[in-house]
PDB file of N, CA and C in Angstrom:
ATOM      1  N   UNK A   1      23.938   0.631  -4.339  1.00  0.00           N
ATOM      2  CA  UNK A   1      22.849   0.948  -3.430  1.00  0.00           C
ATOM      3  C   UNK A   1      21.513   0.981  -4.177  1.00  0.00           C
ATOM      4  N   UNK A   2      21.536   1.473  -5.420  1.00  0.00           N
ATOM      5  CA  UNK A   2      20.305   1.547  -6.208  1.00  0.00           C
ATOM      6  C   UNK A   2      19.710   0.156  -6.445  1.00  0.00           C
ATOM      7  N   UNK A   3      20.568  -0.837  -6.630  1.00  0.00           N
ATOM      8  CA  UNK A   3      20.087  -2.207  -6.842  1.00  0.00           C
ATOM      9  C   UNK A   3      19.301  -2.679  -5.630  1.00  0.00           C
ATOM     10  N   UNK A   4      19.831  -2.460  -4.433  1.00  0.00           N
ATOM     11  CA  UNK A   4      19.140  -2.890  -3.216  1.00  0.00           C
ATOM     12  C   UNK A   4      17.867  -2.084  -2.984  1.00  0.00           C
ATOM     13  N   UNK A   5      17.907  -0.818  -3.304  1.00  0.00           N
ATOM     14  CA  UNK A   5      16.711   0.018  -3.172  1.00  0.00           C
ATOM     15  C   UNK A   5      15.609  -0.492  -4.095  1.00  0.00           C
ATOM     16  N   UNK A   6      15.978  -0.813  -5.336  1.00  0.00           N
ATOM     17  CA  UNK A   6      15.000  -1.348  -6.291  1.00  0.00           C
ATOM     18  C   UNK A   6      14.468  -2.698  -5.855  1.00  0.00           C
ATOM     19  N   UNK A   7      15.338  -3.559  -5.336  1.00  0.00           N
ATOM     20  CA  UNK A   7      14.888  -4.874  -4.859  1.00  0.00           C
ATOM     21  C   UNK A   7      13.891  -4.732  -3.714  1.00  0.00           C
ATOM     22  N   UNK A   8      14.199  -3.852  -2.773  1.00  0.00           N
ATOM     23  CA  UNK A   8      13.285  -3.667  -1.656  1.00  0.00           C
ATOM     24  C   UNK A   8      11.964  -3.082  -2.123  1.00  0.00           C
ATOM     25  N   UNK A   9      12.028  -2.053  -2.969  1.00  0.00           N
ATOM     26  CA  UNK A   9      10.797  -1.443  -3.455  1.00  0.00           C
ATOM     27  C   UNK A   9       9.954  -2.453  -4.217  1.00  0.00           C
ATOM     28  N   UNK A  10      10.567  -3.243  -5.086  1.00  0.00           N
ATOM     29  CA  UNK A  10       9.814  -4.230  -5.860  1.00  0.00           C
ATOM     30  C   UNK A  10       9.187  -5.286  -4.961  1.00  0.00           C
ATOM     31  N   UNK A  11       9.896  -5.681  -3.894  1.00  0.00           N
ATOM     32  CA  UNK A  11       9.314  -6.635  -2.937  1.00  0.00           C
ATOM     33  C   UNK A  11       8.115  -6.021  -2.216  1.00  0.00           C
ATOM     34  N   UNK A  12       8.280  -4.788  -1.781  1.00  0.00           N
ATOM     35  CA  UNK A  12       7.191  -4.086  -1.092  1.00  0.00           C
ATOM     36  C   UNK A  12       6.004  -3.878  -2.024  1.00  0.00           C
ATOM     37  N   UNK A  13       6.269  -3.444  -3.240  1.00  0.00           N
ATOM     38  CA  UNK A  13       5.196  -3.215  -4.212  1.00  0.00           C
ATOM     39  C   UNK A  13       4.466  -4.509  -4.533  1.00  0.00           C
ATOM     40  N   UNK A  14       5.202  -5.594  -4.672  1.00  0.00           N
ATOM     41  CA  UNK A  14       4.577  -6.885  -4.944  1.00  0.00           C
ATOM     42  C   UNK A  14       3.712  -7.367  -3.789  1.00  0.00           C
ATOM     43  N   UNK A  15       4.193  -7.184  -2.573  1.00  0.00           N
ATOM     44  CA  UNK A  15       3.415  -7.573  -1.396  1.00  0.00           C
ATOM     45  C   UNK A  15       2.125  -6.763  -1.317  1.00  0.00           C
ATOM     46  N   UNK A  16       2.221  -5.459  -1.484  1.00  0.00           N
ATOM     47  CA  UNK A  16       1.030  -4.610  -1.401  1.00  0.00           C
ATOM     48  C   UNK A  16       0.080  -4.862  -2.563  1.00  0.00           C
ATOM     49  N   UNK A  17       0.612  -5.100  -3.752  1.00  0.00           N
ATOM     50  CA  UNK A  17      -0.241  -5.401  -4.916  1.00  0.00           C
ATOM     51  C   UNK A  17      -1.014  -6.689  -4.689  1.00  0.00           C
ATOM     52  N   UNK A  18      -0.389  -7.658  -4.040  1.00  0.00           N
ATOM     53  CA  UNK A  18      -1.069  -8.917  -3.739  1.00  0.00           C
ATOM     54  C   UNK A  18      -2.148  -8.779  -2.686  1.00  0.00           C
ATOM     55  N   UNK A  19      -1.975  -7.804  -1.784  1.00  0.00           N
ATOM     56  CA  UNK A  19      -2.947  -7.597  -0.715  1.00  0.00           C
ATOM     57  C   UNK A  19      -4.024  -6.581  -1.056  1.00  0.00           C
ATOM     58  N   UNK A  20      -3.742  -5.737  -2.019  1.00  0.00           N
ATOM     59  CA  UNK A  20      -4.697  -4.724  -2.462  1.00  0.00           C
ATOM     60  C   UNK A  20      -4.845  -4.810  -3.984  1.00  0.00           C
ATOM     61  N   UNK A  21      -5.283  -5.964  -4.494  1.00  0.00           N
ATOM     62  CA  UNK A  21      -5.301  -6.167  -5.951  1.00  0.00           C
ATOM     63  C   UNK A  21      -6.289  -5.263  -6.690  1.00  0.00           C
ATOM     64  N   UNK A  22      -7.399  -4.939  -6.070  1.00  0.00           N
ATOM     65  CA  UNK A  22      -8.389  -4.105  -6.755  1.00  0.00           C
ATOM     66  C   UNK A  22      -7.867  -2.676  -6.866  1.00  0.00           C
ATOM     67  N   UNK A  23      -7.285  -2.175  -5.790  1.00  0.00           N
ATOM     68  CA  UNK A  23      -6.706  -0.830  -5.835  1.00  0.00           C
ATOM     69  C   UNK A  23      -5.587  -0.794  -6.864  1.00  0.00           C
ATOM     70  N   UNK A  24      -4.776  -1.817  -6.901  1.00  0.00           N
ATOM     71  CA  UNK A  24      -3.678  -1.893  -7.869  1.00  0.00           C
ATOM     72  C   UNK A  24      -4.204  -1.854  -9.304  1.00  0.00           C
ATOM     73  N   UNK A  25      -5.307  -2.557  -9.529  1.00  0.00           N
ATOM     74  CA  UNK A  25      -5.899  -2.594 -10.868  1.00  0.00           C
ATOM     75  C   UNK A  25      -6.546  -1.263 -11.238  1.00  0.00           C
ATOM     76  N   UNK A  26      -7.181  -0.617 -10.264  1.00  0.00           N
ATOM     77  CA  UNK A  26      -7.903   0.626 -10.531  1.00  0.00           C
ATOM     78  C   UNK A  26      -6.944   1.786 -10.804  1.00  0.00           C
ATOM     79  N   UNK A  27      -5.911   1.884  -9.978  1.00  0.00           N
ATOM     80  CA  UNK A  27      -4.937   2.961 -10.193  1.00  0.00           C
ATOM     81  C   UNK A  27      -4.017   2.537 -11.325  1.00  0.00           C
ATOM     82  N   UNK A  28      -3.754   3.442 -12.232  1.00  0.00           N
ATOM     83  CA  UNK A  28      -2.845   3.079 -13.312  1.00  0.00           C
ATOM     84  C   UNK A  28      -1.451   2.852 -12.728  1.00  0.00           C
ATOM     85  N   UNK A  29      -0.592   2.251 -13.496  1.00  0.00           N
ATOM     86  CA  UNK A  29       0.728   1.865 -13.011  1.00  0.00           C
ATOM     87  C   UNK A  29       1.507   2.984 -12.350  1.00  0.00           C
ATOM     88  N   UNK A  30       1.496   4.158 -12.956  1.00  0.00           N
ATOM     89  CA  UNK A  30       2.236   5.288 -12.397  1.00  0.00           C
ATOM     90  C   UNK A  30       1.671   5.786 -11.084  1.00  0.00           C
ATOM     91  N   UNK A  31       0.358   5.855 -10.978  1.00  0.00           N
ATOM     92  CA  UNK A  31      -0.275   6.326  -9.730  1.00  0.00           C
ATOM     93  C   UNK A  31      -0.066   5.325  -8.607  1.00  0.00           C
ATOM     94  N   UNK A  32      -0.179   4.026  -8.934  1.00  0.00           N
ATOM     95  CA  UNK A  32       0.029   2.991  -7.928  1.00  0.00           C
ATOM     96  C   UNK A  32       1.474   3.037  -7.421  1.00  0.00           C
ATOM     97  N   UNK A  33       2.423   3.092  -8.332  1.00  0.00           N
ATOM     98  CA  UNK A  33       3.825   3.119  -7.917  1.00  0.00           C
ATOM     99  C   UNK A  33       4.153   4.377  -7.127  1.00  0.00           C
ATOM    100  N   UNK A  34       3.578   5.500  -7.489  1.00  0.00           N
ATOM    101  CA  UNK A  34       3.797   6.739  -6.736  1.00  0.00           C
ATOM    102  C   UNK A  34       3.241   6.611  -5.320  1.00  0.00           C
ATOM    103  N   UNK A  35       2.085   5.982  -5.185  1.00  0.00           N
ATOM    104  CA  UNK A  35       1.479   5.774  -3.873  1.00  0.00           C
ATOM    105  C   UNK A  35       2.365   4.875  -3.011  1.00  0.00           C
ATOM    106  N   UNK A  36       2.866   3.788  -3.583  1.00  0.00           N
ATOM    107  CA  UNK A  36       3.740   2.878  -2.834  1.00  0.00           C
ATOM    108  C   UNK A  36       5.048   3.572  -2.476  1.00  0.00           C
ATOM    109  N   UNK A  37       5.604   4.344  -3.395  1.00  0.00           N
ATOM    110  CA  UNK A  37       6.851   5.073  -3.104  1.00  0.00           C
ATOM    111  C   UNK A  37       6.640   6.097  -1.989  1.00  0.00           C
ATOM    112  N   UNK A  38       5.496   6.762  -1.998  1.00  0.00           N
ATOM    113  CA  UNK A  38       5.193   7.724  -0.942  1.00  0.00           C
ATOM    114  C   UNK A  38       5.057   7.006   0.398  1.00  0.00           C
ATOM    115  N   UNK A  39       4.403   5.855   0.405  1.00  0.00           N
ATOM    116  CA  UNK A  39       4.302   5.046   1.626  1.00  0.00           C
ATOM    117  C   UNK A  39       5.687   4.667   2.115  1.00  0.00           C
ATOM    118  N   UNK A  40       6.527   4.203   1.228  1.00  0.00           N
ATOM    119  CA  UNK A  40       7.889   3.784   1.562  1.00  0.00           C
ATOM    120  C   UNK A  40       8.689   4.959   2.131  1.00  0.00           C
ATOM    121  N   UNK A  41       8.512   6.123   1.563  1.00  0.00           N
ATOM    122  CA  UNK A  41       9.291   7.290   1.954  1.00  0.00           C
ATOM    123  C   UNK A  41       8.736   7.969   3.214  1.00  0.00           C
ATOM    124  N   UNK A  42       7.417   8.084   3.339  1.00  0.00           N
ATOM    125  CA  UNK A  42       6.821   8.926   4.370  1.00  0.00           C
ATOM    126  C   UNK A  42       6.357   8.203   5.629  1.00  0.00           C
ATOM    127  N   UNK A  43       5.948   6.957   5.514  1.00  0.00           N
ATOM    128  CA  UNK A  43       5.333   6.272   6.661  1.00  0.00           C
ATOM    129  C   UNK A  43       6.390   5.590   7.517  1.00  0.00           C
ATOM    130  N   UNK A  44       6.320   5.790   8.797  1.00  0.00           N
ATOM    131  CA  UNK A  44       7.216   5.125   9.742  1.00  0.00           C
ATOM    132  C   UNK A  44       6.483   3.935  10.324  1.00  0.00           C
ATOM    133  N   UNK A  45       6.829   2.760   9.849  1.00  0.00           N
ATOM    134  CA  UNK A  45       6.149   1.540  10.286  1.00  0.00           C
ATOM    135  C   UNK A  45       6.437   1.257  11.757  1.00  0.00           C
ATOM    136  N   UNK A  46       5.430   0.738  12.434  1.00  0.00           N
ATOM    137  CA  UNK A  46       5.560   0.399  13.846  1.00  0.00           C
ATOM    138  C   UNK A  46       5.952  -1.053  14.039  1.00  0.00           C
ATOM    139  N   UNK A  47       6.060  -1.804  12.965  1.00  0.00           N
ATOM    140  CA  UNK A  47       6.393  -3.219  13.066  1.00  0.00           C
ATOM    141  C   UNK A  47       7.445  -3.590  12.028  1.00  0.00           C
ATOM    142  N   UNK A  48       8.366  -4.466  12.397  1.00  0.00           N
ATOM    143  CA  UNK A  48       9.332  -4.962  11.417  1.00  0.00           C
ATOM    144  C   UNK A  48       8.854  -6.234  10.715  1.00  0.00           C
ATOM    145  N   UNK A  49       7.661  -6.685  11.029  1.00  0.00           N
ATOM    146  CA  UNK A  49       7.143  -7.945  10.503  1.00  0.00           C
ATOM    147  C   UNK A  49       6.529  -7.701   9.123  1.00  0.00           C
ATOM    148  N   UNK A  50       7.130  -8.323   8.112  1.00  0.00           N
ATOM    149  CA  UNK A  50       6.745  -8.082   6.723  1.00  0.00           C
ATOM    150  C   UNK A  50       5.266  -8.356   6.440  1.00  0.00           C
ATOM    151  N   UNK A  51       4.672  -9.454   6.952  1.00  0.00           N
ATOM    152  CA  UNK A  51       3.246  -9.705   6.671  1.00  0.00           C
ATOM    153  C   UNK A  51       2.293  -8.681   7.276  1.00  0.00           C
ATOM    154  N   UNK A  52       2.766  -7.843   8.185  1.00  0.00           N
ATOM    155  CA  UNK A  52       1.903  -6.820   8.769  1.00  0.00           C
ATOM    156  C   UNK A  52       1.956  -5.498   8.011  1.00  0.00           C
ATOM    157  N   UNK A  53       2.732  -5.451   6.935  1.00  0.00           N
ATOM    158  CA  UNK A  53       2.830  -4.218   6.144  1.00  0.00           C
ATOM    159  C   UNK A  53       1.504  -3.790   5.515  1.00  0.00           C
ATOM    160  N   UNK A  54       0.610  -4.712   5.116  1.00  0.00           N
ATOM    161  CA  UNK A  54      -0.686  -4.247   4.599  1.00  0.00           C
ATOM    162  C   UNK A  54      -1.462  -3.410   5.620  1.00  0.00           C
ATOM    163  N   UNK A  55      -1.389  -3.782   6.898  1.00  0.00           N
ATOM    164  CA  UNK A  55      -2.059  -2.984   7.933  1.00  0.00           C
ATOM    165  C   UNK A  55      -1.391  -1.612   8.057  1.00  0.00           C
ATOM    166  N   UNK A  56      -0.074  -1.594   7.951  1.00  0.00           N
ATOM    167  CA  UNK A  56       0.653  -0.322   7.982  1.00  0.00           C
ATOM    168  C   UNK A  56       0.267   0.553   6.780  1.00  0.00           C
ATOM    169  N   UNK A  57       0.090  -0.079   5.615  1.00  0.00           N
ATOM    170  CA  UNK A  57      -0.314   0.664   4.423  1.00  0.00           C
ATOM    171  C   UNK A  57      -1.699   1.276   4.615  1.00  0.00           C
ATOM    172  N   UNK A  58      -2.596   0.513   5.215  1.00  0.00           N
ATOM    173  CA  UNK A  58      -3.936   1.032   5.508  1.00  0.00           C
ATOM    174  C   UNK A  58      -3.847   2.211   6.470  1.00  0.00           C
ATOM    175  N   UNK A  59      -3.026   2.111   7.507  1.00  0.00           N
ATOM    176  CA  UNK A  59      -2.851   3.221   8.441  1.00  0.00           C
ATOM    177  C   UNK A  59      -2.266   4.443   7.737  1.00  0.00           C
ATOM    178  N   UNK A  60      -1.317   4.201   6.840  1.00  0.00           N
ATOM    179  CA  UNK A  60      -0.740   5.298   6.062  1.00  0.00           C
ATOM    180  C   UNK A  60      -1.823   6.014   5.251  1.00  0.00           C
ATOM    181  N   UNK A  61      -2.668   5.248   4.590  1.00  0.00           N
ATOM    182  CA  UNK A  61      -3.735   5.857   3.786  1.00  0.00           C
ATOM    183  C   UNK A  61      -4.687   6.666   4.660  1.00  0.00           C
ATOM    184  N   UNK A  62      -4.985   6.151   5.846  1.00  0.00           N
ATOM    185  CA  UNK A  62      -5.883   6.871   6.743  1.00  0.00           C
ATOM    186  C   UNK A  62      -5.253   8.170   7.233  1.00  0.00           C
ATOM    187  N   UNK A  63      -3.962   8.148   7.550  1.00  0.00           N
ATOM    188  CA  UNK A  63      -3.277   9.342   8.035  1.00  0.00           C
ATOM    189  C   UNK A  63      -3.088  10.386   6.934  1.00  0.00           C
ATOM    190  N   UNK A  64      -2.835   9.927   5.726  1.00  0.00           N
ATOM    191  CA  UNK A  64      -2.594  10.862   4.614  1.00  0.00           C
ATOM    192  C   UNK A  64      -3.891  11.461   4.110  1.00  0.00           C
ATOM    193  N   UNK A  65      -4.991  10.747   4.285  1.00  0.00           N
ATOM    194  CA  UNK A  65      -6.285  11.232   3.830  1.00  0.00           C
ATOM    195  C   UNK A  65      -6.451  11.092   2.327  1.00  0.00           C
ATOM    196  N   UNK A  66      -7.629  11.376   1.865  1.00  0.00           N
ATOM    197  CA  UNK A  66      -7.936  11.274   0.439  1.00  0.00           C
ATOM    198  C   UNK A  66      -7.452  12.549  -0.238  1.00  0.00           C
ATOM    199  N   UNK A  67      -6.717  12.381  -1.295  1.00  0.00           N
ATOM    200  CA  UNK A  67      -6.214  13.527  -2.059  1.00  0.00           C
ATOM    201  C   UNK A  67      -7.027  13.681  -3.325  1.00  0.00           C
ATOM    202  N   UNK A  68      -6.890  14.795  -3.962  1.00  0.00           N
ATOM    203  CA  UNK A  68      -7.737  15.108  -5.117  1.00  0.00           C
ATOM    204  C   UNK A  68      -7.573  14.111  -6.263  1.00  0.00           C
ATOM    205  N   UNK A  69      -6.397  13.529  -6.430  1.00  0.00           N
ATOM    206  CA  UNK A  69      -6.184  12.571  -7.513  1.00  0.00           C
ATOM    207  C   UNK A  69      -6.705  11.176  -7.162  1.00  0.00           C
ATOM    208  N   UNK A  70      -7.056  10.961  -5.896  1.00  0.00           N
ATOM    209  CA  UNK A  70      -7.534   9.650  -5.442  1.00  0.00           C
ATOM    210  C   UNK A  70      -9.016   9.484  -5.722  1.00  0.00           C
ATOM    211  N   UNK A  71      -9.439   8.242  -5.972  1.00  0.00           N
ATOM    212  CA  UNK A  71     -10.890   7.994  -5.980  1.00  0.00           C
ATOM    213  C   UNK A  71     -11.438   8.297  -4.577  1.00  0.00           C
ATOM    214  N   UNK A  72     -12.622   8.865  -4.462  1.00  0.00           N
ATOM    215  CA  UNK A  72     -13.139   9.254  -3.140  1.00  0.00           C
ATOM    216  C   UNK A  72     -13.372   8.069  -2.201  1.00  0.00           C
ATOM    217  N   UNK A  73     -13.448   6.874  -2.733  1.00  0.00           N
ATOM    218  CA  UNK A  73     -13.713   5.679  -1.937  1.00  0.00           C
ATOM    219  C   UNK A  73     -12.455   4.853  -1.698  1.00  0.00           C
ATOM    220  N   UNK A  74     -11.292   5.429  -1.915  1.00  0.00           N
ATOM    221  CA  UNK A  74     -10.034   4.681  -1.779  1.00  0.00           C
ATOM    222  C   UNK A  74      -9.856   4.093  -0.384  1.00  0.00           C
ATOM    223  N   UNK A  75     -10.120   4.874   0.658  1.00  0.00           N
ATOM    224  CA  UNK A  75      -9.947   4.371   2.028  1.00  0.00           C
ATOM    225  C   UNK A  75     -10.893   3.213   2.334  1.00  0.00           C
ATOM    226  N   UNK A  76     -12.119   3.323   1.904  1.00  0.00           N
ATOM    227  CA  UNK A  76     -13.079   2.259   2.169  1.00  0.00           C
ATOM    228  C   UNK A  76     -12.691   0.973   1.441  1.00  0.00           C
ATOM    229  N   UNK A  77     -12.248   1.108   0.205  1.00  0.00           N
ATOM    230  CA  UNK A  77     -11.824  -0.073  -0.549  1.00  0.00           C
ATOM    231  C   UNK A  77     -10.581  -0.697   0.079  1.00  0.00           C
ATOM    232  N   UNK A  78      -9.633   0.128   0.507  1.00  0.00           N
ATOM    233  CA  UNK A  78      -8.430  -0.394   1.154  1.00  0.00           C
ATOM    234  C   UNK A  78      -8.794  -1.131   2.435  1.00  0.00           C
ATOM    235  N   UNK A  79      -9.708  -0.574   3.202  1.00  0.00           N
ATOM    236  CA  UNK A  79     -10.136  -1.239   4.432  1.00  0.00           C
ATOM    237  C   UNK A  79     -10.810  -2.571   4.126  1.00  0.00           C
ATOM    238  N   UNK A  80     -11.659  -2.586   3.124  1.00  0.00           N
ATOM    239  CA  UNK A  80     -12.337  -3.823   2.734  1.00  0.00           C
ATOM    240  C   UNK A  80     -11.320  -4.892   2.324  1.00  0.00           C
ATOM    241  N   UNK A  81     -10.355  -4.510   1.490  1.00  0.00           N
ATOM    242  CA  UNK A  81      -9.363  -5.492   1.045  1.00  0.00           C
ATOM    243  C   UNK A  81      -8.498  -5.978   2.204  1.00  0.00           C
ATOM    244  N   UNK A  82      -8.170  -5.087   3.133  1.00  0.00           N
ATOM    245  CA  UNK A  82      -7.374  -5.487   4.287  1.00  0.00           C
ATOM    246  C   UNK A  82      -8.160  -6.438   5.198  1.00  0.00           C
ATOM    247  N   UNK A  83      -9.431  -6.136   5.441  1.00  0.00           N
ATOM    248  CA  UNK A  83     -10.261  -7.003   6.278  1.00  0.00           C
ATOM    249  C   UNK A  83     -10.410  -8.375   5.631  1.00  0.00           C
ATOM    250  N   UNK A  84     -10.593  -8.397   4.333  1.00  0.00           N
ATOM    251  CA  UNK A  84     -10.714  -9.659   3.610  1.00  0.00           C
ATOM    252  C   UNK A  84      -9.448 -10.501   3.824  1.00  0.00           C
ATOM    253  N   UNK A  85      -8.296  -9.890   3.743  1.00  0.00           N
ATOM    254  CA  UNK A  85      -7.036 -10.593   3.963  1.00  0.00           C
ATOM    255  C   UNK A  85      -6.913 -11.052   5.422  1.00  0.00           C
ATOM    256  N   UNK A  86      -7.227 -10.162   6.361  1.00  0.00           N
ATOM    257  CA  UNK A  86      -7.129 -10.499   7.779  1.00  0.00           C
ATOM    258  C   UNK A  86      -8.020 -11.677   8.132  1.00  0.00           C
ATOM    259  N   UNK A  87      -9.228 -11.703   7.609  1.00  0.00           N
ATOM    260  CA  UNK A  87     -10.139 -12.816   7.877  1.00  0.00           C
ATOM    261  C   UNK A  87      -9.642 -14.107   7.240  1.00  0.00           C
ATOM    262  N   UNK A  88      -9.031 -13.993   6.091  1.00  0.00           N
ATOM    263  CA  UNK A  88      -8.489 -15.171   5.405  1.00  0.00           C
ATOM    264  C   UNK A  88      -7.341 -15.787   6.194  1.00  0.00           C
ATOM    265  N   UNK A  89      -6.527 -14.928   6.825  1.00  0.00           N
ATOM    266  CA  UNK A  89      -5.394 -15.439   7.609  1.00  0.00           C
ATOM    267  C   UNK A  89      -5.874 -15.996   8.937  1.00  0.00           C
TER     268      UNK A  89
END
């Protein structure tokens, strides 16, 4: 079961890293992975469509709010990166 859990997490992390590259670069590896793991664990996605997960991640960030360890502009940057992707598609 751990193998499948790791495969899914790595796929999800790779997808989100590709859609939020600046956030991925700004947050160190441990903080980024913790954020993705929290999203995976806490957020109930409204869509089963894999390409729509970046929008779900943005909604997760908005619902969770900015935490003390986060840069204060994290939500704005996430929104900018998501809009950039949406316009590109």
